C-alpha atoms as a PDB file:
ATOM      1  CA  UNK A   1      38.366 -71.189  54.769  1.00  0.00           C
ATOM      2  CA  UNK A   2      34.675 -72.007  54.465  1.00  0.00           C
ATOM      3  CA  UNK A   3      32.085 -71.209  57.121  1.00  0.00           C
ATOM      4  CA  UNK A   4      28.818 -73.108  57.541  1.00  0.00           C
ATOM      5  CA  UNK A   5      26.319 -71.551  59.919  1.00  0.00           C
ATOM      6  CA  UNK A   6      23.169 -73.062  61.348  1.00  0.00           C
ATOM      7  CA  UNK A   7      20.396 -71.892  63.629  1.00  0.00           C
ATOM      8  CA  UNK A   8      18.428 -68.691  63.524  1.00  0.00           C
ATOM      9  CA  UNK A   9      14.907 -68.203  62.251  1.00  0.00           C
ATOM     10  CA  UNK A  10      11.977 -66.947  64.286  1.00  0.00           C
ATOM     11  CA  UNK A  11      12.492 -66.555  68.044  1.00  0.00           C
ATOM     12  CA  UNK A  12       9.981 -65.407  70.654  1.00  0.00           C
ATOM     13  CA  UNK A  13      10.893 -62.339  72.734  1.00  0.00           C
ATOM     14  CA  UNK A  14      12.564 -63.603  75.873  1.00  0.00           C
ATOM     15  CA  UNK A  15      13.215 -66.893  74.147  1.00  0.00           C
ATOM     16  CA  UNK A  16      16.219 -69.055  73.408  1.00  0.00           C
ATOM     17  CA  UNK A  17      18.488 -68.476  70.455  1.00  0.00           C
ATOM     18  CA  UNK A  18      21.454 -70.594  69.443  1.00  0.00           C
ATOM     19  CA  UNK A  19      23.657 -70.205  66.419  1.00  0.00           C
ATOM     20  CA  UNK A  20      26.566 -72.382  65.423  1.00  0.00           C
ATOM     21  CA  UNK A  21      29.228 -72.010  62.790  1.00  0.00           C
ATOM     22  CA  UNK A  22      31.720 -74.603  61.618  1.00  0.00           C
ATOM     23  CA  UNK A  23      34.926 -73.630  59.867  1.00  0.00           C
ATOM     24  CA  UNK A  24      36.664 -75.895  57.383  1.00  0.00           C
ATOM     25  CA  UNK A  25      39.606 -75.678  55.024  1.00  0.00           C
ATOM     26  CA  UNK A  26      42.969 -74.116  55.850  1.00  0.00           C
ATOM     27  CA  UNK A  27      42.454 -73.668  59.587  1.00  0.00           C
ATOM     28  CA  UNK A  28      45.379 -72.357  61.626  1.00  0.00           C
ATOM     29  CA  UNK A  29      45.932 -72.951  65.322  1.00  0.00           C
ATOM     30  CA  UNK A  30      45.583 -69.338  66.388  1.00  0.00           C
ATOM     31  CA  UNK A  31      42.427 -67.703  65.140  1.00  0.00           C
ATOM     32  CA  UNK A  32      39.467 -65.703  66.291  1.00  0.00           C
ATOM     33  CA  UNK A  33      35.914 -66.746  65.474  1.00  0.00           C
ATOM     34  CA  UNK A  34      32.850 -64.709  66.115  1.00  0.00           C
ATOM     35  CA  UNK A  35      29.520 -63.307  65.090  1.00  0.00           C
ATOM     36  CA  UNK A  36      28.568 -59.969  63.653  1.00  0.00           C
ATOM     37  CA  UNK A  37      25.076 -58.761  62.818  1.00  0.00           C
ATOM     38  CA  UNK A  38      23.446 -56.201  60.599  1.00  0.00           C
ATOM     39  CA  UNK A  39      19.952 -54.901  61.169  1.00  0.00           C
ATOM     40  CA  UNK A  40      18.011 -53.112  58.404  1.00  0.00           C
ATOM     41  CA  UNK A  41      19.344 -49.611  57.907  1.00  0.00           C
ATOM     42  CA  UNK A  42      22.224 -50.107  60.317  1.00  0.00           C
ATOM     43  CA  UNK A  43      25.898 -50.872  60.047  1.00  0.00           C
ATOM     44  CA  UNK A  44      27.310 -54.302  60.738  1.00  0.00           C
ATOM     45  CA  UNK A  45      28.308 -54.612  64.387  1.00  0.00           C
ATOM     46  CA  UNK A  46      30.204 -57.062  66.544  1.00  0.00           C
ATOM     47  CA  UNK A  47      28.050 -59.402  68.600  1.00  0.00           C
ATOM     48  CA  UNK A  48      30.802 -61.496  70.138  1.00  0.00           C
ATOM     49  CA  UNK A  49      34.123 -63.100  69.329  1.00  0.00           C
ATOM     50  CA  UNK A  50      36.300 -65.747  70.910  1.00  0.00           C
ATOM     51  CA  UNK A  51      39.940 -66.527  70.303  1.00  0.00           C
ATOM     52  CA  UNK A  52      41.281 -70.055  70.063  1.00  0.00           C
ATOM     53  CA  UNK A  53      42.835 -69.498  73.498  1.00  0.00           C
ATOM     54  CA  UNK A  54      39.438 -68.622  74.965  1.00  0.00           C
ATOM     55  CA  UNK A  55      39.555 -64.839  75.252  1.00  0.00           C
ATOM     56  CA  UNK A  56      36.112 -63.373  74.545  1.00  0.00           C
ATOM     57  CA  UNK A  57      34.877 -59.990  73.432  1.00  0.00           C
ATOM     58  CA  UNK A  58      31.243 -58.824  73.413  1.00  0.00           C
ATOM     59  CA  UNK A  59      29.445 -55.939  71.812  1.00  0.00           C
ATOM     60  CA  UNK A  60      27.955 -53.471  74.289  1.00  0.00           C
ATOM     61  CA  UNK A  61      24.394 -54.238  73.201  1.00  0.00           C
ATOM     62  CA  UNK A  62      24.637 -57.925  74.116  1.00  0.00           C
ATOM     63  CA  UNK A  63      26.897 -57.956  77.182  1.00  0.00           C
ATOM     64  CA  UNK A  64      25.330 -60.026  79.916  1.00  0.00           C
ATOM     65  CA  UNK A  65      22.754 -61.602  77.565  1.00  0.00           C
ATOM     66  CA  UNK A  66      24.725 -63.516  74.958  1.00  0.00           C
ATOM     67  CA  UNK A  67      27.342 -66.197  75.475  1.00  0.00           C
ATOM     68  CA  UNK A  68      29.920 -67.246  72.934  1.00  0.00           C
ATOM     69  CA  UNK A  69      31.815 -70.510  73.153  1.00  0.00           C
ATOM     70  CA  UNK A  70      33.811 -72.749  70.867  1.00  0.00           C
ATOM     71  CA  UNK A  71      34.911 -76.304  70.280  1.00  0.00           C
ATOM     72  CA  UNK A  72      38.449 -76.114  68.948  1.00  0.00           C
ATOM     73  CA  UNK A  73      38.524 -79.795  68.024  1.00  0.00           C
ATOM     74  CA  UNK A  74      35.584 -79.194  65.679  1.00  0.00           C
ATOM     75  CA  UNK A  75      36.519 -75.632  64.651  1.00  0.00           C
ATOM     76  CA  UNK A  76      33.024 -74.617  65.651  1.00  0.00           C
ATOM     77  CA  UNK A  77      31.774 -71.517  67.423  1.00  0.00           C
ATOM     78  CA  UNK A  78      28.454 -71.190  69.252  1.00  0.00           C
ATOM     79  CA  UNK A  79      26.400 -68.138  70.173  1.00  0.00           C
ATOM     80  CA  UNK A  80      23.385 -68.308  72.441  1.00  0.00           C
ATOM     81  CA  UNK A  81      21.034 -66.285  74.569  1.00  0.00           C
ATOM     82  CA  UNK A  82      18.097 -67.132  76.826  1.00  0.00           C
ATOM     83  CA  UNK A  83      16.697 -63.609  76.630  1.00  0.00           C
ATOM     84  CA  UNK A  84      16.258 -62.609  73.008  1.00  0.00           C
ATOM     85  CA  UNK A  85      14.917 -59.102  72.356  1.00  0.00           C
ATOM     86  CA  UNK A  86      13.207 -57.654  69.273  1.00  0.00           C
ATOM     87  CA  UNK A  87      16.263 -55.441  68.789  1.00  0.00           C
ATOM     88  CA  UNK A  88      18.328 -58.595  68.253  1.00  0.00           C
ATOM     89  CA  UNK A  89      16.558 -59.007  64.911  1.00  0.00           C
ATOM     90  CA  UNK A  90      19.231 -58.929  62.218  1.00  0.00           C
ATOM     91  CA  UNK A  91      21.204 -60.977  59.754  1.00  0.00           C
ATOM     92  CA  UNK A  92      23.973 -62.689  61.700  1.00  0.00           C
ATOM     93  CA  UNK A  93      27.308 -63.340  60.029  1.00  0.00           C
ATOM     94  CA  UNK A  94      29.890 -65.822  61.182  1.00  0.00           C
ATOM     95  CA  UNK A  95      33.463 -64.570  61.031  1.00  0.00           C
ATOM     96  CA  UNK A  96      36.821 -66.351  61.044  1.00  0.00           C
ATOM     97  CA  UNK A  97      39.911 -64.208  61.437  1.00  0.00           C
ATOM     98  CA  UNK A  98      43.487 -65.366  60.955  1.00  0.00           C
ATOM     99  CA  UNK A  99      45.549 -64.130  58.040  1.00  0.00           C
ATOM    100  CA  UNK A 100      42.452 -62.228  56.931  1.00  0.00           C
ATOM    101  CA  UNK A 101      38.713 -62.097  57.543  1.00  0.00           C
ATOM    102  CA  UNK A 102      36.451 -64.834  56.222  1.00  0.00           C
ATOM    103  CA  UNK A 103      32.670 -64.471  56.307  1.00  0.00           C
ATOM    104  CA  UNK A 104      29.741 -66.841  56.279  1.00  0.00           C
ATOM    105  CA  UNK A 105      26.690 -66.169  54.130  1.00  0.00           C
ATOM    106  CA  UNK A 106      24.563 -64.809  56.944  1.00  0.00           C
ATOM    107  CA  UNK A 107      21.560 -66.214  58.732  1.00  0.00           C
ATOM    108  CA  UNK A 108      18.421 -64.240  59.523  1.00  0.00           C
ATOM    109  CA  UNK A 109      17.244 -64.035  63.126  1.00  0.00           C
ATOM    110  CA  UNK A 110      13.837 -62.520  63.764  1.00  0.00           C
ATOM    111  CA  UNK A 111      12.749 -61.913  67.339  1.00  0.00           C
ATOM    112  CA  UNK A 112       9.017 -61.388  67.308  1.00  0.00           C
ATOM    113  CA  UNK A 113       5.811 -62.713  68.790  1.00  0.00           C
END
């Protein structure tokens, strides 16, 4: 499975952030896709995940601010917020989980004025 992420870059505090990630290759019907992030000096943490059936899971630090969604026909997952904070600055990694974990290369998000 290959993961191609897009989005990220520099975002203003309080601004809009949208990331997308498309999976390709040996995709199975039941899977979980999501986003993790790693800030400098910190461990990688869950941002949000969504199963192919629609069940979602959010990390405590983003609950109520981030929304995850997916397009199963396109094997694509989306992550967005309208209220980015400086503490959201991190490298964001797309994740696909089925028989095992697959990871995207990571995309840098910097929330700063």
